[in-house]
N, C-alpha and C. Protein backbone atom coordinates (compact mmCIF):
# COMPACT_ATOMS: atom_id res chain seq x y z
N UNK A 1 -53.32 -4.40 23.64
CA UNK A 1 -51.99 -3.84 23.89
C UNK A 1 -51.22 -3.67 22.58
N UNK A 2 -50.56 -2.54 22.39
CA UNK A 2 -49.79 -2.35 21.16
C UNK A 2 -48.54 -3.23 21.16
N UNK A 3 -48.22 -3.77 20.01
CA UNK A 3 -47.06 -4.66 19.86
C UNK A 3 -45.82 -3.79 19.64
N UNK A 4 -44.83 -4.04 20.47
CA UNK A 4 -43.57 -3.27 20.36
C UNK A 4 -42.66 -3.92 19.33
N UNK A 5 -42.13 -3.12 18.43
CA UNK A 5 -41.22 -3.62 17.41
C UNK A 5 -39.79 -3.20 17.76
N UNK A 6 -38.92 -4.17 17.72
CA UNK A 6 -37.51 -3.84 17.96
C UNK A 6 -36.81 -3.67 16.61
N UNK A 7 -36.20 -2.55 16.43
CA UNK A 7 -35.50 -2.26 15.17
C UNK A 7 -34.01 -2.35 15.39
N UNK A 8 -33.39 -3.24 14.64
CA UNK A 8 -31.93 -3.40 14.73
C UNK A 8 -31.27 -2.37 13.82
N UNK A 9 -30.35 -1.62 14.40
CA UNK A 9 -29.61 -0.63 13.61
C UNK A 9 -28.51 -1.33 12.83
N UNK A 10 -28.46 -1.07 11.55
CA UNK A 10 -27.42 -1.64 10.71
C UNK A 10 -26.13 -0.85 10.88
N UNK A 11 -25.03 -1.60 10.99
CA UNK A 11 -23.73 -0.91 11.11
C UNK A 11 -23.36 -0.30 9.77
N UNK A 12 -22.88 0.93 9.83
CA UNK A 12 -22.52 1.65 8.60
C UNK A 12 -21.23 1.11 8.02
N UNK A 13 -21.23 0.87 6.72
CA UNK A 13 -20.02 0.43 6.03
C UNK A 13 -19.24 1.67 5.60
N UNK A 14 -17.93 1.61 5.79
CA UNK A 14 -17.09 2.73 5.38
C UNK A 14 -16.83 2.59 3.88
N UNK A 15 -17.37 3.50 3.11
CA UNK A 15 -17.11 3.47 1.67
C UNK A 15 -16.55 4.83 1.25
N UNK A 16 -15.58 4.79 0.38
CA UNK A 16 -14.99 6.03 -0.09
C UNK A 16 -15.06 6.08 -1.61
N UNK A 17 -15.28 7.26 -2.12
CA UNK A 17 -15.38 7.45 -3.57
C UNK A 17 -14.00 7.52 -4.18
N UNK A 18 -13.95 7.19 -5.45
CA UNK A 18 -12.71 7.36 -6.20
C UNK A 18 -12.49 8.86 -6.36
N UNK A 19 -11.34 9.39 -5.91
CA UNK A 19 -11.13 10.84 -6.00
C UNK A 19 -11.29 11.38 -7.42
N UNK A 20 -12.11 12.43 -7.55
CA UNK A 20 -12.38 13.06 -8.86
C UNK A 20 -11.09 13.58 -9.49
N UNK A 21 -10.18 14.06 -8.64
CA UNK A 21 -8.89 14.58 -9.11
C UNK A 21 -8.09 13.49 -9.84
N UNK A 22 -8.16 12.25 -9.30
CA UNK A 22 -7.45 11.13 -9.91
C UNK A 22 -8.10 10.73 -11.24
N UNK A 23 -9.43 10.72 -11.28
CA UNK A 23 -10.17 10.39 -12.50
C UNK A 23 -9.74 11.33 -13.63
N UNK A 24 -9.72 12.62 -13.32
CA UNK A 24 -9.33 13.65 -14.30
C UNK A 24 -7.87 13.45 -14.72
N UNK A 25 -7.01 13.20 -13.74
CA UNK A 25 -5.58 13.01 -13.97
C UNK A 25 -5.32 11.86 -14.94
N UNK A 26 -6.02 10.72 -14.73
CA UNK A 26 -5.84 9.55 -15.57
C UNK A 26 -6.43 9.75 -16.96
N UNK A 27 -7.58 10.42 -17.02
CA UNK A 27 -8.22 10.70 -18.31
C UNK A 27 -7.34 11.60 -19.18
N UNK A 28 -6.78 12.64 -18.56
CA UNK A 28 -5.91 13.57 -19.29
C UNK A 28 -4.61 12.90 -19.75
N UNK A 29 -4.13 11.94 -18.96
CA UNK A 29 -2.89 11.23 -19.31
C UNK A 29 -3.11 10.31 -20.50
N UNK A 30 -4.34 9.81 -20.65
CA UNK A 30 -4.68 8.92 -21.77
C UNK A 30 -3.97 7.58 -21.72
N UNK A 31 -3.64 7.13 -20.51
CA UNK A 31 -2.95 5.85 -20.34
C UNK A 31 -3.97 4.76 -20.04
N UNK A 32 -3.80 3.61 -20.69
CA UNK A 32 -4.71 2.48 -20.52
C UNK A 32 -4.70 2.01 -19.06
N UNK A 33 -5.86 1.99 -18.45
CA UNK A 33 -5.98 1.57 -17.05
C UNK A 33 -7.39 1.05 -16.79
N UNK A 34 -7.53 0.36 -15.66
CA UNK A 34 -8.85 -0.14 -15.25
C UNK A 34 -9.06 0.19 -13.77
N UNK A 35 -10.22 0.76 -13.46
CA UNK A 35 -10.55 1.06 -12.07
C UNK A 35 -11.24 -0.17 -11.49
N UNK A 36 -10.67 -0.72 -10.43
CA UNK A 36 -11.24 -1.90 -9.77
C UNK A 36 -11.98 -1.47 -8.52
N UNK A 37 -13.28 -1.72 -8.49
CA UNK A 37 -14.08 -1.40 -7.31
C UNK A 37 -14.16 -2.65 -6.44
N UNK A 38 -13.95 -2.49 -5.14
CA UNK A 38 -13.94 -3.66 -4.24
C UNK A 38 -14.42 -3.26 -2.86
N UNK A 39 -14.55 -4.25 -1.99
CA UNK A 39 -14.97 -3.96 -0.61
C UNK A 39 -13.88 -3.15 0.09
N UNK A 40 -14.23 -2.56 1.20
CA UNK A 40 -13.29 -1.72 1.95
C UNK A 40 -12.08 -2.54 2.40
N UNK A 41 -10.89 -2.07 2.03
CA UNK A 41 -9.65 -2.74 2.46
C UNK A 41 -8.70 -1.71 3.07
N UNK A 42 -8.00 -2.15 4.09
CA UNK A 42 -7.05 -1.26 4.78
C UNK A 42 -5.60 -1.73 4.65
N UNK A 43 -5.42 -2.99 4.26
CA UNK A 43 -4.05 -3.51 4.13
C UNK A 43 -3.85 -4.15 2.76
N UNK A 44 -2.59 -4.33 2.40
CA UNK A 44 -2.24 -4.96 1.12
C UNK A 44 -2.71 -6.41 1.10
N UNK A 45 -2.66 -7.07 2.27
CA UNK A 45 -3.10 -8.46 2.39
C UNK A 45 -4.59 -8.58 2.08
N UNK A 46 -5.38 -7.65 2.65
CA UNK A 46 -6.82 -7.60 2.37
C UNK A 46 -7.08 -7.34 0.89
N UNK A 47 -6.32 -6.40 0.32
CA UNK A 47 -6.49 -6.03 -1.09
C UNK A 47 -6.23 -7.23 -2.00
N UNK A 48 -5.17 -7.98 -1.70
CA UNK A 48 -4.82 -9.16 -2.50
C UNK A 48 -5.92 -10.22 -2.42
N UNK A 49 -6.42 -10.46 -1.20
CA UNK A 49 -7.47 -11.46 -1.00
C UNK A 49 -8.77 -11.04 -1.69
N UNK A 50 -9.13 -9.77 -1.56
CA UNK A 50 -10.37 -9.25 -2.14
C UNK A 50 -10.35 -9.29 -3.66
N UNK A 51 -9.22 -8.89 -4.24
CA UNK A 51 -9.13 -8.83 -5.70
C UNK A 51 -8.62 -10.12 -6.32
N UNK A 52 -8.40 -11.13 -5.45
CA UNK A 52 -7.89 -12.44 -5.89
C UNK A 52 -6.60 -12.29 -6.72
N UNK A 53 -5.67 -11.57 -6.13
CA UNK A 53 -4.38 -11.33 -6.78
C UNK A 53 -3.25 -11.79 -5.86
N UNK A 54 -2.09 -12.02 -6.44
CA UNK A 54 -0.92 -12.38 -5.65
C UNK A 54 -0.42 -11.11 -4.97
N UNK A 55 0.27 -11.29 -3.84
CA UNK A 55 0.78 -10.13 -3.09
C UNK A 55 1.72 -9.26 -3.92
N UNK A 56 2.52 -9.88 -4.81
CA UNK A 56 3.46 -9.09 -5.60
C UNK A 56 2.78 -8.33 -6.75
N UNK A 57 1.46 -8.57 -6.95
CA UNK A 57 0.69 -7.84 -7.96
C UNK A 57 -0.01 -6.61 -7.36
N UNK A 58 0.13 -6.46 -6.06
CA UNK A 58 -0.42 -5.29 -5.35
C UNK A 58 0.74 -4.32 -5.12
N UNK A 59 0.58 -3.10 -5.62
CA UNK A 59 1.62 -2.08 -5.45
C UNK A 59 1.37 -1.34 -4.14
N UNK A 60 2.26 -1.54 -3.19
CA UNK A 60 2.13 -0.89 -1.88
C UNK A 60 2.77 0.49 -1.96
N UNK A 61 1.99 1.52 -1.63
CA UNK A 61 2.51 2.90 -1.67
C UNK A 61 2.72 3.43 -0.26
N UNK A 62 3.84 4.05 -0.04
CA UNK A 62 4.18 4.64 1.27
C UNK A 62 4.60 6.09 1.07
N UNK A 63 4.19 6.95 2.00
CA UNK A 63 4.67 8.33 2.00
C UNK A 63 5.93 8.35 2.86
N UNK A 64 6.99 8.90 2.31
CA UNK A 64 8.29 8.89 2.99
C UNK A 64 8.85 10.30 3.06
N UNK A 65 9.49 10.61 4.18
CA UNK A 65 10.15 11.91 4.34
C UNK A 65 11.66 11.68 4.34
N UNK A 66 12.34 12.28 3.37
CA UNK A 66 13.80 12.19 3.28
C UNK A 66 14.35 13.57 3.64
N UNK A 67 14.92 13.67 4.85
CA UNK A 67 15.30 14.96 5.44
C UNK A 67 14.09 15.89 5.41
N UNK A 68 14.07 16.89 4.51
CA UNK A 68 12.91 17.80 4.46
C UNK A 68 12.03 17.57 3.23
N UNK A 69 12.41 16.59 2.40
CA UNK A 69 11.67 16.31 1.16
C UNK A 69 10.71 15.13 1.34
N UNK A 70 9.61 15.16 0.59
CA UNK A 70 8.62 14.09 0.64
C UNK A 70 8.62 13.31 -0.67
N UNK A 71 8.40 12.01 -0.57
CA UNK A 71 8.33 11.12 -1.73
C UNK A 71 7.18 10.13 -1.54
N UNK A 72 6.70 9.59 -2.67
CA UNK A 72 5.81 8.44 -2.64
C UNK A 72 6.66 7.27 -3.11
N UNK A 73 6.75 6.25 -2.27
CA UNK A 73 7.56 5.08 -2.57
C UNK A 73 6.63 3.91 -2.85
N UNK A 74 6.82 3.25 -3.99
CA UNK A 74 5.94 2.15 -4.39
C UNK A 74 6.76 0.87 -4.57
N UNK A 75 6.29 -0.20 -3.91
CA UNK A 75 6.99 -1.48 -4.01
C UNK A 75 6.00 -2.64 -3.94
N UNK A 76 6.38 -3.84 -4.36
CA UNK A 76 5.45 -4.97 -4.28
C UNK A 76 5.03 -5.21 -2.83
N UNK A 77 3.78 -5.58 -2.63
CA UNK A 77 3.24 -5.74 -1.28
C UNK A 77 3.87 -6.89 -0.50
N UNK A 78 4.57 -7.79 -1.19
CA UNK A 78 5.22 -8.90 -0.48
C UNK A 78 6.64 -8.52 -0.03
N UNK A 79 6.95 -7.22 -0.11
CA UNK A 79 8.27 -6.76 0.31
C UNK A 79 8.17 -5.65 1.35
N UNK A 80 9.21 -5.53 2.15
CA UNK A 80 9.34 -4.44 3.12
C UNK A 80 10.32 -3.42 2.57
N UNK A 81 10.23 -2.23 3.10
CA UNK A 81 11.11 -1.15 2.66
C UNK A 81 12.47 -1.26 3.35
N UNK A 82 13.53 -1.23 2.55
CA UNK A 82 14.89 -1.23 3.07
C UNK A 82 15.34 0.24 3.09
N UNK A 83 15.34 0.86 4.27
CA UNK A 83 15.61 2.29 4.40
C UNK A 83 17.00 2.70 3.91
N UNK A 84 18.09 1.96 4.27
CA UNK A 84 19.41 2.36 3.76
C UNK A 84 19.49 2.32 2.23
N UNK A 85 18.89 1.29 1.61
CA UNK A 85 18.90 1.18 0.15
C UNK A 85 18.10 2.32 -0.49
N UNK A 86 16.97 2.68 0.14
CA UNK A 86 16.16 3.79 -0.37
C UNK A 86 16.94 5.09 -0.27
N UNK A 87 17.66 5.28 0.82
CA UNK A 87 18.47 6.49 1.01
C UNK A 87 19.49 6.63 -0.12
N UNK A 88 20.14 5.52 -0.48
CA UNK A 88 21.12 5.53 -1.58
C UNK A 88 20.45 5.87 -2.91
N UNK A 89 19.31 5.25 -3.15
CA UNK A 89 18.58 5.45 -4.41
C UNK A 89 18.12 6.90 -4.57
N UNK A 90 17.52 7.46 -3.52
CA UNK A 90 17.01 8.83 -3.59
C UNK A 90 18.16 9.85 -3.62
N UNK A 91 19.22 9.56 -2.90
CA UNK A 91 20.40 10.45 -2.89
C UNK A 91 21.04 10.52 -4.28
N UNK A 92 21.13 9.37 -4.93
CA UNK A 92 21.72 9.31 -6.27
C UNK A 92 20.89 10.07 -7.30
N UNK A 93 19.56 9.95 -7.19
CA UNK A 93 18.69 10.61 -8.17
C UNK A 93 18.58 12.12 -7.95
N UNK A 94 18.67 12.55 -6.69
CA UNK A 94 18.53 13.98 -6.39
C UNK A 94 19.87 14.71 -6.31
N UNK A 95 20.94 13.92 -6.32
CA UNK A 95 22.31 14.43 -6.22
C UNK A 95 22.56 15.22 -4.93
N UNK A 96 21.83 14.83 -3.89
CA UNK A 96 22.12 15.38 -2.55
C UNK A 96 21.96 14.25 -1.54
N UNK A 97 22.94 14.10 -0.65
CA UNK A 97 22.86 12.97 0.29
C UNK A 97 21.79 13.15 1.36
N UNK A 98 20.90 12.17 1.46
CA UNK A 98 19.86 12.20 2.50
C UNK A 98 20.39 11.49 3.74
N UNK A 99 20.21 12.12 4.88
CA UNK A 99 20.70 11.54 6.14
C UNK A 99 19.61 10.76 6.86
N UNK A 100 18.41 11.34 6.92
CA UNK A 100 17.31 10.70 7.67
C UNK A 100 16.14 10.42 6.75
N UNK A 101 15.77 9.15 6.67
CA UNK A 101 14.59 8.74 5.90
C UNK A 101 13.64 8.05 6.85
N UNK A 102 12.41 8.52 6.88
CA UNK A 102 11.42 7.92 7.78
C UNK A 102 10.02 8.03 7.20
N UNK A 103 9.10 7.28 7.78
CA UNK A 103 7.69 7.37 7.40
C UNK A 103 7.06 8.35 8.39
N UNK A 104 6.63 9.51 7.91
CA UNK A 104 6.08 10.52 8.83
C UNK A 104 4.68 10.15 9.32
N UNK A 105 4.26 10.82 10.38
CA UNK A 105 2.92 10.60 10.93
C UNK A 105 1.84 11.07 9.96
N UNK A 106 0.62 10.57 10.16
CA UNK A 106 -0.48 10.87 9.25
C UNK A 106 -0.79 12.37 9.19
N UNK A 107 -0.79 13.03 10.35
CA UNK A 107 -1.11 14.47 10.39
C UNK A 107 -0.12 15.28 9.57
N UNK A 108 1.15 14.93 9.66
CA UNK A 108 2.20 15.64 8.91
C UNK A 108 1.94 15.51 7.41
N UNK A 109 1.60 14.29 6.98
CA UNK A 109 1.36 14.05 5.56
C UNK A 109 0.10 14.76 5.07
N UNK A 110 -0.94 14.78 5.89
CA UNK A 110 -2.18 15.46 5.51
C UNK A 110 -1.92 16.95 5.30
N UNK A 111 -1.12 17.54 6.18
CA UNK A 111 -0.78 18.97 6.07
C UNK A 111 0.15 19.23 4.88
N UNK A 112 1.11 18.34 4.69
CA UNK A 112 2.09 18.51 3.60
C UNK A 112 1.43 18.38 2.23
N UNK A 113 0.50 17.43 2.10
CA UNK A 113 -0.15 17.18 0.82
C UNK A 113 -1.45 17.94 0.62
N UNK A 114 -1.94 18.52 1.75
CA UNK A 114 -3.24 19.22 1.72
C UNK A 114 -4.35 18.32 1.15
N UNK A 115 -4.41 17.10 1.70
CA UNK A 115 -5.44 16.14 1.29
C UNK A 115 -6.28 15.73 2.48
N UNK A 116 -7.43 15.12 2.19
CA UNK A 116 -8.31 14.62 3.25
C UNK A 116 -7.77 13.29 3.74
N UNK A 117 -8.17 12.94 4.96
CA UNK A 117 -7.76 11.67 5.55
C UNK A 117 -8.33 10.53 4.70
N UNK A 118 -7.50 9.56 4.41
CA UNK A 118 -7.97 8.44 3.59
C UNK A 118 -6.84 7.50 3.24
N UNK A 119 -7.08 6.68 2.23
CA UNK A 119 -6.08 5.72 1.80
C UNK A 119 -4.94 6.41 1.06
N UNK A 120 -3.80 5.76 1.02
CA UNK A 120 -2.62 6.31 0.36
C UNK A 120 -2.77 6.16 -1.16
N UNK A 121 -2.48 7.22 -1.87
CA UNK A 121 -2.50 7.19 -3.34
C UNK A 121 -1.08 7.00 -3.85
N UNK A 122 -0.93 6.11 -4.83
CA UNK A 122 0.39 5.87 -5.42
C UNK A 122 0.76 6.96 -6.43
N UNK A 123 -0.24 7.78 -6.81
CA UNK A 123 -0.05 8.78 -7.86
C UNK A 123 0.45 10.10 -7.27
N UNK A 124 1.75 10.12 -6.96
CA UNK A 124 2.37 11.27 -6.30
C UNK A 124 2.42 12.53 -7.14
N UNK A 125 2.59 12.39 -8.46
CA UNK A 125 2.68 13.55 -9.34
C UNK A 125 1.46 14.46 -9.22
N UNK A 126 0.33 13.84 -8.90
CA UNK A 126 -0.92 14.58 -8.72
C UNK A 126 -0.79 15.59 -7.58
N UNK A 127 0.06 15.24 -6.61
CA UNK A 127 0.28 16.09 -5.43
C UNK A 127 1.64 16.80 -5.50
N UNK A 128 2.22 16.78 -6.71
CA UNK A 128 3.54 17.39 -6.93
C UNK A 128 4.62 16.75 -6.05
N UNK A 129 4.50 15.41 -5.90
CA UNK A 129 5.49 14.66 -5.14
C UNK A 129 6.22 13.70 -6.06
N UNK A 130 7.56 13.62 -5.95
CA UNK A 130 8.29 12.64 -6.76
C UNK A 130 7.96 11.22 -6.31
N UNK A 131 7.99 10.28 -7.26
CA UNK A 131 7.65 8.89 -6.99
C UNK A 131 8.86 8.01 -7.25
N UNK A 132 9.09 7.04 -6.35
CA UNK A 132 10.15 6.05 -6.52
C UNK A 132 9.52 4.67 -6.58
N UNK A 133 9.92 3.86 -7.57
CA UNK A 133 9.35 2.52 -7.76
C UNK A 133 10.46 1.48 -7.63
N UNK A 134 10.17 0.43 -6.85
CA UNK A 134 11.14 -0.65 -6.70
C UNK A 134 11.16 -1.53 -7.95
N UNK A 135 12.35 -1.95 -8.34
CA UNK A 135 12.54 -2.78 -9.55
C UNK A 135 11.73 -4.07 -9.51
N UNK A 136 11.48 -4.58 -8.32
CA UNK A 136 10.74 -5.83 -8.15
C UNK A 136 9.34 -5.78 -8.74
N UNK A 137 8.77 -4.58 -8.82
CA UNK A 137 7.41 -4.41 -9.33
C UNK A 137 7.36 -4.60 -10.84
N UNK A 138 8.46 -4.32 -11.52
CA UNK A 138 8.51 -4.43 -12.99
C UNK A 138 8.31 -5.88 -13.45
N UNK A 139 8.69 -6.83 -12.61
CA UNK A 139 8.58 -8.25 -12.96
C UNK A 139 7.14 -8.70 -13.23
N UNK A 140 6.17 -8.05 -12.57
CA UNK A 140 4.77 -8.51 -12.72
C UNK A 140 4.05 -7.89 -13.91
N UNK A 141 4.64 -6.94 -14.56
CA UNK A 141 4.09 -6.23 -15.72
C UNK A 141 2.86 -5.39 -15.38
N UNK A 142 1.81 -6.00 -14.79
CA UNK A 142 0.60 -5.25 -14.41
C UNK A 142 0.43 -5.31 -12.90
N UNK A 143 -0.01 -4.20 -12.30
CA UNK A 143 -0.22 -4.18 -10.85
C UNK A 143 -1.41 -3.31 -10.50
N UNK A 144 -1.93 -3.52 -9.28
CA UNK A 144 -3.05 -2.71 -8.76
C UNK A 144 -2.46 -1.65 -7.84
N UNK A 145 -2.69 -0.38 -8.17
CA UNK A 145 -2.12 0.76 -7.44
C UNK A 145 -3.17 1.43 -6.56
N UNK A 146 -2.74 1.92 -5.40
CA UNK A 146 -3.63 2.64 -4.49
C UNK A 146 -4.12 3.93 -5.12
N UNK A 147 -5.43 4.21 -4.91
CA UNK A 147 -6.06 5.35 -5.58
C UNK A 147 -6.38 6.52 -4.64
N UNK A 148 -6.19 6.29 -3.34
CA UNK A 148 -6.63 7.30 -2.37
C UNK A 148 -8.03 6.98 -1.86
N UNK A 149 -8.55 5.81 -2.24
CA UNK A 149 -9.87 5.34 -1.79
C UNK A 149 -9.69 3.94 -1.21
N UNK A 150 -10.44 3.63 -0.16
CA UNK A 150 -10.38 2.29 0.43
C UNK A 150 -11.16 1.27 -0.39
N UNK A 151 -11.93 1.74 -1.36
CA UNK A 151 -12.81 0.86 -2.15
C UNK A 151 -12.45 0.78 -3.63
N UNK A 152 -11.37 1.41 -4.03
CA UNK A 152 -10.97 1.40 -5.44
C UNK A 152 -9.46 1.26 -5.57
N UNK A 153 -9.06 0.54 -6.60
CA UNK A 153 -7.64 0.44 -6.98
C UNK A 153 -7.57 0.68 -8.47
N UNK A 154 -6.41 1.08 -8.94
CA UNK A 154 -6.23 1.32 -10.37
C UNK A 154 -5.23 0.30 -10.89
N UNK A 155 -5.70 -0.55 -11.80
CA UNK A 155 -4.82 -1.56 -12.40
C UNK A 155 -4.27 -1.03 -13.72
N UNK A 156 -2.96 -1.12 -13.86
CA UNK A 156 -2.33 -0.66 -15.09
C UNK A 156 -0.96 -1.30 -15.25
N UNK A 157 -0.40 -1.20 -16.45
CA UNK A 157 0.94 -1.74 -16.69
C UNK A 157 1.94 -0.94 -15.87
N UNK A 158 2.87 -1.64 -15.24
CA UNK A 158 3.87 -0.99 -14.38
C UNK A 158 4.70 0.01 -15.18
N UNK A 159 5.07 -0.36 -16.41
CA UNK A 159 5.87 0.56 -17.25
C UNK A 159 5.10 1.84 -17.55
N UNK A 160 3.76 1.73 -17.70
CA UNK A 160 2.93 2.93 -17.94
C UNK A 160 2.87 3.80 -16.69
N UNK A 161 2.81 3.16 -15.53
CA UNK A 161 2.80 3.91 -14.26
C UNK A 161 4.11 4.67 -14.09
N UNK A 162 5.23 4.00 -14.38
CA UNK A 162 6.56 4.63 -14.26
C UNK A 162 6.66 5.83 -15.20
N UNK A 163 6.15 5.65 -16.42
CA UNK A 163 6.18 6.73 -17.41
C UNK A 163 5.30 7.89 -16.98
N UNK A 164 4.09 7.58 -16.51
CA UNK A 164 3.14 8.61 -16.07
C UNK A 164 3.68 9.43 -14.90
N UNK A 165 4.28 8.74 -13.94
CA UNK A 165 4.77 9.39 -12.72
C UNK A 165 6.20 9.92 -12.85
N UNK A 166 6.83 9.65 -13.99
CA UNK A 166 8.25 10.03 -14.19
C UNK A 166 9.06 9.52 -12.99
N UNK A 167 8.81 8.26 -12.65
CA UNK A 167 9.32 7.67 -11.41
C UNK A 167 10.81 7.35 -11.45
N UNK A 168 11.41 7.46 -10.28
CA UNK A 168 12.78 7.02 -10.03
C UNK A 168 12.67 5.50 -9.86
N UNK A 169 13.49 4.74 -10.55
CA UNK A 169 13.44 3.28 -10.41
C UNK A 169 14.72 2.82 -9.73
N UNK A 170 14.56 2.03 -8.68
CA UNK A 170 15.71 1.54 -7.93
C UNK A 170 15.39 0.27 -7.19
N UNK A 171 16.36 -0.25 -6.49
CA UNK A 171 16.18 -1.48 -5.72
C UNK A 171 16.23 -1.16 -4.23
N UNK A 172 15.06 -1.13 -3.60
CA UNK A 172 15.00 -0.79 -2.17
C UNK A 172 13.97 -1.63 -1.41
N UNK A 173 13.56 -2.72 -2.00
CA UNK A 173 12.64 -3.63 -1.32
C UNK A 173 13.38 -4.84 -0.81
N UNK A 174 12.88 -5.42 0.26
CA UNK A 174 13.46 -6.68 0.76
C UNK A 174 12.32 -7.61 1.13
N UNK A 175 12.51 -8.89 0.84
CA UNK A 175 11.47 -9.89 1.09
C UNK A 175 11.05 -9.89 2.55
N UNK A 176 9.74 -10.00 2.76
CA UNK A 176 9.23 -10.08 4.13
C UNK A 176 9.66 -11.41 4.73
N UNK A 177 10.19 -11.35 5.93
CA UNK A 177 10.62 -12.57 6.62
C UNK A 177 9.56 -12.95 7.64
N UNK A 178 9.01 -14.14 7.44
CA UNK A 178 8.00 -14.63 8.38
C UNK A 178 8.72 -15.45 9.42
N UNK A 179 8.65 -14.97 10.66
CA UNK A 179 9.34 -15.65 11.75
C UNK A 179 8.51 -16.84 12.24
N UNK A 180 9.18 -18.00 12.29
CA UNK A 180 8.50 -19.20 12.79
C UNK A 180 8.68 -19.26 14.31
N UNK A 181 7.59 -19.59 14.99
CA UNK A 181 7.66 -19.69 16.45
C UNK A 181 8.35 -20.99 16.83
N UNK A 182 9.27 -20.88 17.77
CA UNK A 182 9.96 -22.07 18.26
C UNK A 182 9.06 -22.79 19.26
N UNK A 183 8.94 -24.09 19.07
CA UNK A 183 8.13 -24.89 20.00
C UNK A 183 9.08 -25.45 21.04
N UNK A 184 8.88 -25.02 22.28
CA UNK A 184 9.75 -25.48 23.38
C UNK A 184 9.32 -26.87 23.83
N UNK A 185 10.19 -27.52 24.59
CA UNK A 185 9.94 -28.88 25.08
C UNK A 185 8.68 -28.92 25.94
N UNK A 186 8.49 -27.89 26.78
CA UNK A 186 7.33 -27.85 27.68
C UNK A 186 6.02 -27.73 26.88
N UNK A 187 6.06 -26.98 25.75
CA UNK A 187 4.87 -26.84 24.90
C UNK A 187 4.54 -28.16 24.21
N UNK A 188 5.61 -28.91 23.80
CA UNK A 188 5.40 -30.21 23.15
C UNK A 188 4.76 -31.19 24.12
N UNK A 189 5.25 -31.18 25.37
CA UNK A 189 4.71 -32.08 26.40
C UNK A 189 3.25 -31.76 26.70
N UNK A 190 2.91 -30.44 26.78
CA UNK A 190 1.52 -30.05 27.06
C UNK A 190 0.60 -30.44 25.91
N UNK A 191 1.10 -30.38 24.67
CA UNK A 191 0.30 -30.82 23.52
C UNK A 191 0.03 -32.32 23.57
N UNK A 192 1.06 -33.10 23.96
CA UNK A 192 0.90 -34.56 24.07
C UNK A 192 -0.13 -34.91 25.13
N UNK A 193 -0.10 -34.20 26.25
CA UNK A 193 -1.05 -34.46 27.35
C UNK A 193 -2.48 -34.19 26.91
N UNK A 194 -2.71 -33.09 26.19
CA UNK A 194 -4.06 -32.74 25.74
C UNK A 194 -4.59 -33.75 24.73
N UNK A 195 -3.71 -34.29 23.87
CA UNK A 195 -4.15 -35.29 22.89
C UNK A 195 -4.47 -36.61 23.58
N UNK A 196 -3.72 -36.97 24.63
CA UNK A 196 -3.99 -38.21 25.38
C UNK A 196 -5.32 -38.13 26.10
N UNK A 197 -5.64 -36.94 26.67
CA UNK A 197 -6.90 -36.74 27.39
C UNK A 197 -8.09 -36.88 26.46
N UNK A 198 -7.96 -36.40 25.22
CA UNK A 198 -9.04 -36.48 24.25
C UNK A 198 -9.38 -37.91 23.89
N UNK A 199 -8.36 -38.77 23.87
CA UNK A 199 -8.59 -40.20 23.56
C UNK A 199 -9.42 -40.85 24.66
């Protein structure tokens, strides 16, 4: 009788290449930088853990729509975006008051930027988009910026990034607040009962 072999199918890993457009952009700029290759990451928390960096050393990039204009907003990953503060910052730099600031849907951004679906790139100038950087990022001197790839980040001096992107610098980040869960009396009693049973 012939022996049947069972073949286990390996799950495909999602890997993305460093965009060639970004490579060319950085080479032409002649700014000192390092491309960091890493496992696939989808969040700033994953990126920090993978690259063994502090959260404030990861530059979180967001695509933002201010009325009809688009911006790339970059801030330390340990901060959330303060929309009213961003509105003030962008209004002051553009000399026109913005009424509505929001994070648009992915499809809208793909159409607006004419890019393929993928990770967010912090390098807005490449897509003819103005860039805004939160002052909090300047404190770390060097940061890892999103490249448009889930497997690559670009590490460079924050001041060099600001210079390269001709970025608007302002204060629009706010510390992430971690909410502590309240332990109710009934939960405390149930915990005591379970520990007594174990004894």
